[in-house]
């Protein structure tokens, strides 16, 4: 149980944080009247962070499978 929670809890927790960050970026771009380009830049930065997390998950899976 503890091992399952450690492995999947982190993934689900980070997923929930990513969803919350999507809301924060949306609200930030709306309140600051960032415009279309500014909103794309904000979401682009968030996307790079999400891609980094996904790449980490994929690399970890591939390394564990190789053993």
Protein backbone atom coordinates (compact mmCIF):
# COMPACT_ATOMS: atom_id res chain seq x y z
CA UNK A 1 0.00 0.00 0.00
CA UNK A 2 2.73 2.44 0.93
CA UNK A 3 4.76 1.66 -2.21
CA UNK A 4 1.68 2.10 -4.41
CA UNK A 5 0.86 5.42 -2.78
CA UNK A 6 4.43 6.60 -3.19
CA UNK A 7 4.58 5.83 -6.89
CA UNK A 8 1.07 6.78 -8.00
CA UNK A 9 0.40 9.42 -5.38
CA UNK A 10 3.18 11.61 -6.70
CA UNK A 11 1.94 11.24 -10.29
CA UNK A 12 -1.65 12.00 -9.34
CA UNK A 13 -0.57 14.86 -7.09
CA UNK A 14 1.54 16.46 -9.79
CA UNK A 15 -1.32 15.98 -12.25
CA UNK A 16 -3.65 17.82 -9.90
CA UNK A 17 -1.11 20.61 -9.50
CA UNK A 18 -0.78 20.90 -13.27
CA UNK A 19 -4.55 21.24 -13.58
CA UNK A 20 -4.52 23.91 -10.87
CA UNK A 21 -1.70 25.74 -12.65
CA UNK A 22 -3.78 25.74 -15.85
CA UNK A 23 -6.49 27.56 -13.94
CA UNK A 24 -3.96 29.98 -12.44
CA UNK A 25 -2.47 30.82 -15.86
CA UNK A 26 -5.93 31.27 -17.36
CA UNK A 27 -6.95 33.58 -14.52
CA UNK A 28 -3.66 35.49 -14.70
CA UNK A 29 -3.97 36.07 -18.43
CA UNK A 30 -7.58 37.17 -18.06
CA UNK A 31 -6.96 39.60 -15.20
CA UNK A 32 -3.84 41.13 -16.71
CA UNK A 33 -5.44 41.47 -20.13
CA UNK A 34 -2.41 39.77 -21.65
CA UNK A 35 -3.96 39.43 -25.08
CA UNK A 36 -3.63 36.52 -27.42
CA UNK A 37 0.19 36.54 -27.68
CA UNK A 38 0.73 36.99 -23.93
CA UNK A 39 -1.65 34.13 -23.19
CA UNK A 40 0.22 31.89 -25.64
CA UNK A 41 3.52 32.77 -23.96
CA UNK A 42 2.11 31.95 -20.52
CA UNK A 43 0.69 28.62 -21.68
CA UNK A 44 3.93 27.88 -23.56
CA UNK A 45 5.95 28.19 -20.38
CA UNK A 46 3.53 25.94 -18.54
CA UNK A 47 3.65 23.43 -21.38
CA UNK A 48 7.43 23.20 -21.15
CA UNK A 49 7.13 22.31 -17.47
CA UNK A 50 4.49 19.66 -18.18
CA UNK A 51 6.62 18.18 -20.98
CA UNK A 52 9.57 17.97 -18.60
CA UNK A 53 7.48 15.99 -16.13
CA UNK A 54 6.14 13.66 -18.83
CA UNK A 55 9.63 13.04 -20.20
CA UNK A 56 10.80 12.18 -16.68
CA UNK A 57 7.98 9.63 -16.32
CA UNK A 58 8.76 8.06 -19.70
CA UNK A 59 12.51 7.84 -19.02
CA UNK A 60 11.89 6.33 -15.58
CA UNK A 61 9.54 3.73 -17.11
CA UNK A 62 12.03 2.81 -19.82
CA UNK A 63 14.91 2.49 -17.35
CA UNK A 64 12.86 0.29 -15.01
CA UNK A 65 11.74 -1.90 -17.92
CA UNK A 66 15.34 -2.34 -19.12
CA UNK A 67 16.44 -3.91 -15.84
